[in-house]
Amino acid sequence: MMVEVILQLTVSAVLTGIIYALMAMGLNLIFGVVRVINFAHGEFLMLAMYLTYWVSRWFGLDPYLSILITVPLFFFIGMAVHQGILRHLLDGPEESQVIATFGLAFALRYGAALIWSTDHRSTTSKIADQILNIGFITVDSAHLIGAILSGLLIAGLFIFLYSTYLGRAIRAIADQRTAAFTAGINVGRVYYIAIGLGLACVAFCGAVIIPFESVFPTIGANFTLLCFVIVVLGGMGNLWGCLLGGVIIAFIEMMVAFFLAPVLTTFAYFVIFLFIVSLRPAGLLGTKGRRI
């Protein structure tokens, strides 16, 4: 019986962890390339969930199909955020970047509360309202579809980064910005693309999460915290580390929620997180340099 429970929790953790990983990759991509720690990351996820909800309600569009709208839109929103805010902070002190992104997070959070109130809102997908039984393992379609779609996007992101000129330029800037500039890479243009991709990942996650997670204005703070833990655990600037960190954190959540209490999940993964980083300060897959 215990073996079956562990297998069930492991499957659930892997499916959830893949979604977490994509979410954290957006944050890590922005940090690795632009060297900006975006404390408003979760608030953009919150906005993506709200946009998915309203598109579904107004136009009757399935949440998964809304990806065709939200992902391109948030790519350009990311470029606009860089143009309007982050671009002016790149050569300034890190404290300015922290305060600016914190301020942006609070503005988005309380702006959403003023516009949409603090009510929880959710929507469903007709193709994700079933429970699948595979032997003694039970999987809900929403998590399964979300994990498959997120996994495909992660694979596409790695193919892009390792197989295209623009992707290699992004990785070059993440490794050695000065050398990349000397080699003739348009660093400024790559910054726009990196931030756009980071928020596009967030928008994608917002669409695949809302079929099983309600949205409210302060949910972004929870996801920001989660993403930072995953990024630091896996290694700042290391996208492969996000995949490992996402699954580990999801597994801890599942185990603690089942065997102890759901309210202890955050406490538990912080304790384990602190233990790991005390042994590996750079993260599980981290190095002294920044690598994508």
Protein backbone atom coordinates (compact mmCIF):
# COMPACT_ATOMS: atom_id res chain seq x y z
CA MET A 1 0.00 0.00 0.00
CA MET A 2 2.77 2.46 0.91
CA VAL A 3 4.60 1.75 -2.36
CA GLU A 4 1.46 2.61 -4.31
CA VAL A 5 1.07 5.87 -2.38
CA ILE A 6 4.70 6.85 -3.04
CA LEU A 7 4.32 6.09 -6.76
CA GLN A 8 1.11 8.13 -6.91
CA LEU A 9 2.76 11.10 -5.21
CA THR A 10 5.83 10.78 -7.44
CA VAL A 11 3.76 10.87 -10.63
CA SER A 12 1.81 13.88 -9.36
CA ALA A 13 5.07 15.60 -8.37
CA VAL A 14 6.64 15.07 -11.79
CA LEU A 15 3.59 16.47 -13.60
CA THR A 16 3.41 19.50 -11.31
CA GLY A 17 7.19 19.93 -11.28
CA ILE A 18 7.38 20.26 -15.06
CA ILE A 19 4.95 23.18 -14.91
CA TYR A 20 6.89 24.72 -12.02
CA ALA A 21 10.10 24.31 -14.02
CA LEU A 22 8.78 26.24 -17.01
CA MET A 23 7.56 28.97 -14.68
CA ALA A 24 11.00 29.24 -13.06
CA MET A 25 12.80 29.10 -16.42
CA GLY A 26 11.17 32.38 -17.38
CA LEU A 27 12.63 34.00 -14.26
CA ASN A 28 16.02 32.35 -14.74
CA LEU A 29 16.21 33.35 -18.40
CA ILE A 30 15.72 37.02 -17.53
CA PHE A 31 18.29 36.85 -14.75
CA GLY A 32 20.82 34.85 -16.74
CA VAL A 33 20.79 37.17 -19.75
CA VAL A 34 19.80 40.63 -18.52
CA ARG A 35 21.17 40.26 -14.96
CA VAL A 36 17.91 41.57 -13.49
CA ILE A 37 16.09 39.74 -10.69
CA ASN A 38 12.42 40.20 -11.50
CA PHE A 39 10.44 40.30 -8.25
CA ALA A 40 7.26 40.93 -10.27
CA HIS A 41 7.53 37.54 -12.00
CA GLY A 42 4.61 36.02 -10.13
CA GLU A 43 2.44 39.07 -10.71
CA PHE A 44 2.83 38.63 -14.46
CA LEU A 45 1.73 35.03 -14.00
CA MET A 46 -1.30 36.32 -12.10
CA LEU A 47 -2.12 38.69 -14.97
CA ALA A 48 -1.76 35.85 -17.48
CA MET A 49 -4.20 33.75 -15.45
CA TYR A 50 -6.68 36.64 -15.34
CA LEU A 51 -6.33 37.20 -19.08
CA THR A 52 -6.94 33.49 -19.73
CA TYR A 53 -9.98 33.59 -17.45
CA TRP A 54 -11.54 36.61 -19.18
CA VAL A 55 -10.79 35.33 -22.69
CA SER A 56 -12.48 32.06 -21.74
CA ARG A 57 -15.47 33.83 -20.21
CA TRP A 58 -16.01 36.49 -22.87
CA PHE A 59 -15.26 34.49 -26.00
CA GLY A 60 -15.87 30.92 -24.82
CA LEU A 61 -12.32 30.00 -25.78
CA ASP A 62 -10.78 26.96 -24.14
CA PRO A 63 -7.98 27.99 -21.72
CA TYR A 64 -5.44 25.99 -23.72
CA LEU A 65 -6.40 27.72 -26.95
CA SER A 66 -6.00 31.09 -25.24
CA ILE A 67 -2.26 30.39 -25.34
CA LEU A 68 -2.38 31.61 -28.93
CA ILE A 69 -3.38 35.03 -27.59
CA THR A 70 -1.65 35.32 -24.22
CA VAL A 71 1.83 34.09 -25.17
CA PRO A 72 2.47 36.54 -28.06
CA LEU A 73 0.86 39.35 -26.05
CA PHE A 74 3.09 38.78 -23.03
CA PHE A 75 6.15 38.52 -25.24
CA PHE A 76 5.52 42.09 -26.35
CA ILE A 77 4.56 43.13 -22.81
CA GLY A 78 8.00 41.89 -21.72
CA MET A 79 9.65 44.01 -24.39
CA ALA A 80 7.57 47.01 -23.29
CA VAL A 81 8.57 46.49 -19.64
CA HIS A 82 12.21 46.45 -20.67
CA GLN A 83 11.79 49.58 -22.78
CA GLY A 84 9.89 51.49 -20.12
CA ILE A 85 11.56 50.34 -16.89
CA LEU A 86 14.38 47.82 -16.92
CA ARG A 87 16.45 49.39 -19.71
CA HIS A 88 17.07 52.44 -17.56
CA LEU A 89 18.27 50.37 -14.60
CA LEU A 90 20.84 48.10 -16.24
CA ASP A 91 23.83 50.31 -15.44
CA GLY A 92 22.51 51.42 -12.07
CA PRO A 93 22.98 49.83 -8.65
CA GLU A 94 21.32 46.48 -8.00
CA GLU A 95 19.30 48.10 -5.23
CA SER A 96 17.49 50.19 -7.84
CA GLN A 97 16.57 47.07 -9.82
CA VAL A 98 15.23 45.37 -6.70
CA ILE A 99 13.17 48.38 -5.64
CA ALA A 100 11.84 48.91 -9.17
CA THR A 101 10.69 45.32 -9.67
CA PHE A 102 9.28 45.20 -6.13
CA GLY A 103 7.36 48.39 -6.87
CA LEU A 104 6.10 46.93 -10.13
CA ALA A 105 4.94 43.80 -8.28
CA PHE A 106 2.97 45.83 -5.74
CA ALA A 107 1.47 48.03 -8.46
CA LEU A 108 0.28 45.01 -10.45
CA ARG A 109 -0.97 43.19 -7.35
CA TYR A 110 -3.02 46.01 -5.89
CA GLY A 111 -4.08 47.24 -9.30
CA ALA A 112 -5.58 43.80 -9.95
CA ALA A 113 -7.34 43.94 -6.57
CA LEU A 114 -8.86 47.33 -7.42
CA ILE A 115 -10.03 46.20 -10.85
CA TRP A 116 -11.18 42.64 -10.15
CA SER A 117 -11.60 42.60 -6.33
CA THR A 118 -10.11 39.84 -4.19
CA ASP A 119 -12.56 37.14 -5.31
CA HIS A 120 -11.16 33.83 -6.47
CA ARG A 121 -11.95 33.11 -10.12
CA SER A 122 -11.51 29.91 -12.06
CA THR A 123 -12.38 28.39 -15.38
CA THR A 124 -12.40 24.87 -16.74
CA SER A 125 -11.46 23.11 -19.93
CA LYS A 126 -13.74 20.57 -21.57
CA ILE A 127 -10.75 18.42 -22.48
CA ALA A 128 -9.29 18.52 -18.97
CA ASP A 129 -12.21 17.62 -16.75
CA GLN A 130 -11.61 13.88 -16.60
CA ILE A 131 -9.76 11.59 -14.20
CA LEU A 132 -7.52 8.95 -15.74
CA ASN A 133 -6.82 5.66 -13.99
CA ILE A 134 -3.59 3.97 -15.06
CA GLY A 135 -3.38 0.82 -12.97
CA PHE A 136 -3.48 1.99 -9.36
CA ILE A 137 -2.28 5.51 -10.29
CA THR A 138 -4.84 8.27 -10.70
CA VAL A 139 -4.05 11.29 -12.84
CA ASP A 140 -6.30 14.25 -13.50
CA SER A 141 -6.31 15.43 -17.09
CA ALA A 142 -5.62 19.08 -16.22
CA HIS A 143 -2.24 18.31 -14.65
CA LEU A 144 -1.38 15.78 -17.36
CA ILE A 145 -2.18 18.14 -20.23
CA GLY A 146 -0.44 21.01 -18.46
CA ALA A 147 2.71 18.93 -17.96
CA ILE A 148 2.73 17.66 -21.56
CA LEU A 149 2.29 21.14 -23.01
CA SER A 150 4.88 22.60 -20.64
CA GLY A 151 7.30 19.80 -21.46
CA LEU A 152 6.91 20.47 -25.17
CA LEU A 153 7.58 24.16 -24.67
CA ILE A 154 10.64 23.40 -22.53
CA ALA A 155 11.95 21.11 -25.27
CA GLY A 156 11.27 23.80 -27.86
CA LEU A 157 13.05 26.39 -25.71
CA PHE A 158 16.16 24.23 -25.44
CA ILE A 159 16.15 23.51 -29.18
CA PHE A 160 15.88 27.24 -29.81
CA LEU A 161 18.73 28.08 -27.41
CA TYR A 162 21.10 25.39 -28.68
CA SER A 163 20.25 25.17 -32.39
CA THR A 164 19.60 28.70 -33.65
CA TYR A 165 21.82 31.72 -34.11
CA LEU A 166 19.64 33.86 -31.86
CA GLY A 167 19.57 31.17 -29.19
CA ARG A 168 23.35 30.86 -29.25
CA ALA A 169 23.58 34.65 -29.01
CA ILE A 170 21.41 34.55 -25.89
CA ARG A 171 23.66 31.90 -24.34
CA ALA A 172 26.79 33.82 -25.32
CA ILE A 173 25.55 36.95 -23.57
CA ALA A 174 24.61 34.91 -20.51
CA ASP A 175 28.15 33.50 -20.35
CA GLN A 176 30.23 36.53 -21.33
CA ARG A 177 28.36 39.73 -22.11
CA THR A 178 31.49 41.77 -22.96
CA ALA A 179 32.90 39.08 -25.24
CA ALA A 180 29.52 38.74 -26.99
CA PHE A 181 29.39 42.49 -27.56
CA THR A 182 32.93 42.44 -28.95
CA ALA A 183 31.95 39.61 -31.30
CA GLY A 184 29.29 41.87 -32.85
CA ILE A 185 26.17 40.52 -31.12
CA ASN A 186 23.48 43.16 -30.65
CA VAL A 187 23.25 42.87 -26.87
CA GLY A 188 20.46 45.42 -26.53
CA ARG A 189 18.20 43.57 -28.98
CA VAL A 190 18.85 40.24 -27.25
CA TYR A 191 17.80 41.79 -23.93
CA TYR A 192 14.38 42.61 -25.39
CA ILE A 193 14.00 39.07 -26.72
CA ALA A 194 15.14 37.41 -23.47
CA ILE A 195 12.66 39.36 -21.34
CA GLY A 196 9.92 38.73 -23.90
CA LEU A 197 10.64 35.00 -23.79
CA GLY A 198 10.67 35.04 -19.99
CA LEU A 199 7.20 36.56 -19.80
CA ALA A 200 5.96 34.36 -22.65
CA CYS A 201 6.85 31.33 -20.49
CA VAL A 202 4.85 32.91 -17.66
CA ALA A 203 1.85 33.47 -19.92
CA PHE A 204 1.99 29.85 -21.07
CA CYS A 205 2.03 28.65 -17.45
CA GLY A 206 -0.91 30.90 -16.60
CA ALA A 207 -3.02 29.22 -19.27
CA VAL A 208 -2.15 25.65 -18.23
CA ILE A 209 -2.49 26.33 -14.48
CA ILE A 210 -5.89 28.00 -14.36
CA PRO A 211 -7.90 24.82 -15.17
CA PHE A 212 -6.88 23.48 -11.74
CA GLU A 213 -5.88 26.64 -9.82
CA SER A 214 -8.10 29.65 -9.13
CA VAL A 215 -6.68 33.13 -9.63
CA PHE A 216 -6.78 36.06 -7.19
CA PRO A 217 -4.65 39.22 -6.90
CA THR A 218 -2.15 37.97 -4.31
CA ILE A 219 -1.46 34.59 -5.89
CA GLY A 220 1.52 36.06 -7.70
CA ALA A 221 3.49 36.49 -4.47
CA ASN A 222 3.19 32.73 -3.82
CA PHE A 223 4.51 31.85 -7.27
CA THR A 224 7.32 34.42 -7.11
CA LEU A 225 8.56 32.84 -3.91
CA LEU A 226 8.24 29.37 -5.41
CA CYS A 227 10.16 30.36 -8.54
CA PHE A 228 13.01 31.90 -6.56
CA VAL A 229 13.37 28.74 -4.47
CA ILE A 230 13.46 26.59 -7.62
CA VAL A 231 15.94 28.87 -9.39
CA VAL A 232 18.36 29.09 -6.47
CA LEU A 233 18.01 25.39 -5.69
CA GLY A 234 18.78 24.37 -9.26
CA GLY A 235 21.42 27.07 -9.82
CA MET A 236 21.02 30.72 -10.78
CA GLY A 237 21.29 31.07 -14.54
CA ASN A 238 21.03 27.32 -15.20
CA LEU A 239 17.86 26.27 -17.03
CA TRP A 240 18.53 22.56 -16.55
CA GLY A 241 18.62 23.26 -12.82
CA CYS A 242 15.08 24.65 -13.04
CA LEU A 243 13.81 21.30 -14.29
CA LEU A 244 15.49 19.46 -11.43
CA GLY A 245 14.49 22.04 -8.83
CA GLY A 246 10.88 22.14 -10.00
CA VAL A 247 10.43 18.38 -9.61
CA ILE A 248 12.17 18.35 -6.21
CA ILE A 249 10.01 21.15 -4.80
CA ALA A 250 6.82 19.58 -6.20
CA PHE A 251 7.77 16.21 -4.67
CA ILE A 252 8.35 17.83 -1.27
CA GLU A 253 4.98 19.57 -1.52
CA MET A 254 3.17 16.34 -2.35
CA MET A 255 4.85 14.30 0.39
CA VAL A 256 4.35 16.90 3.12
CA ALA A 257 0.74 17.65 2.13
CA PHE A 258 -0.15 13.95 2.20
CA PHE A 259 1.75 12.73 5.25
CA LEU A 260 1.67 15.87 7.41
CA ALA A 261 -0.50 18.88 6.48
CA PRO A 262 -0.88 21.10 3.39
CA VAL A 263 -0.14 24.24 5.45
CA LEU A 264 3.37 22.91 6.16
CA THR A 265 4.46 22.57 2.52
CA THR A 266 6.14 25.98 2.25
CA PHE A 267 7.90 25.50 5.59
CA ALA A 268 9.10 22.05 4.56
CA TYR A 269 10.59 22.96 1.21
CA PHE A 270 12.29 26.00 2.73
CA VAL A 271 13.95 23.82 5.37
CA ILE A 272 15.18 21.36 2.74
CA PHE A 273 16.13 24.23 0.44
CA LEU A 274 18.26 25.83 3.17
CA PHE A 275 19.91 22.49 3.92
CA ILE A 276 20.84 21.91 0.26
CA VAL A 277 22.16 25.41 -0.42
CA SER A 278 24.22 25.27 2.77
CA LEU A 279 26.01 22.31 1.20
CA ARG A 280 25.85 23.63 -2.39
CA PRO A 281 25.69 27.46 -2.23
CA ALA A 282 25.63 27.71 -6.04
CA GLY A 283 22.69 25.29 -6.28
CA LEU A 284 22.56 21.68 -7.37
CA LEU A 285 23.66 22.40 -10.94
CA GLY A 286 25.00 25.89 -10.43
CA THR A 287 28.49 27.16 -11.21
CA LYS A 288 30.34 30.37 -10.46
CA GLY A 289 29.51 31.77 -13.87
CA ARG A 290 26.09 32.35 -15.34
CA ARG A 291 25.15 29.82 -18.02
CA ILE A 292 21.94 29.17 -19.87
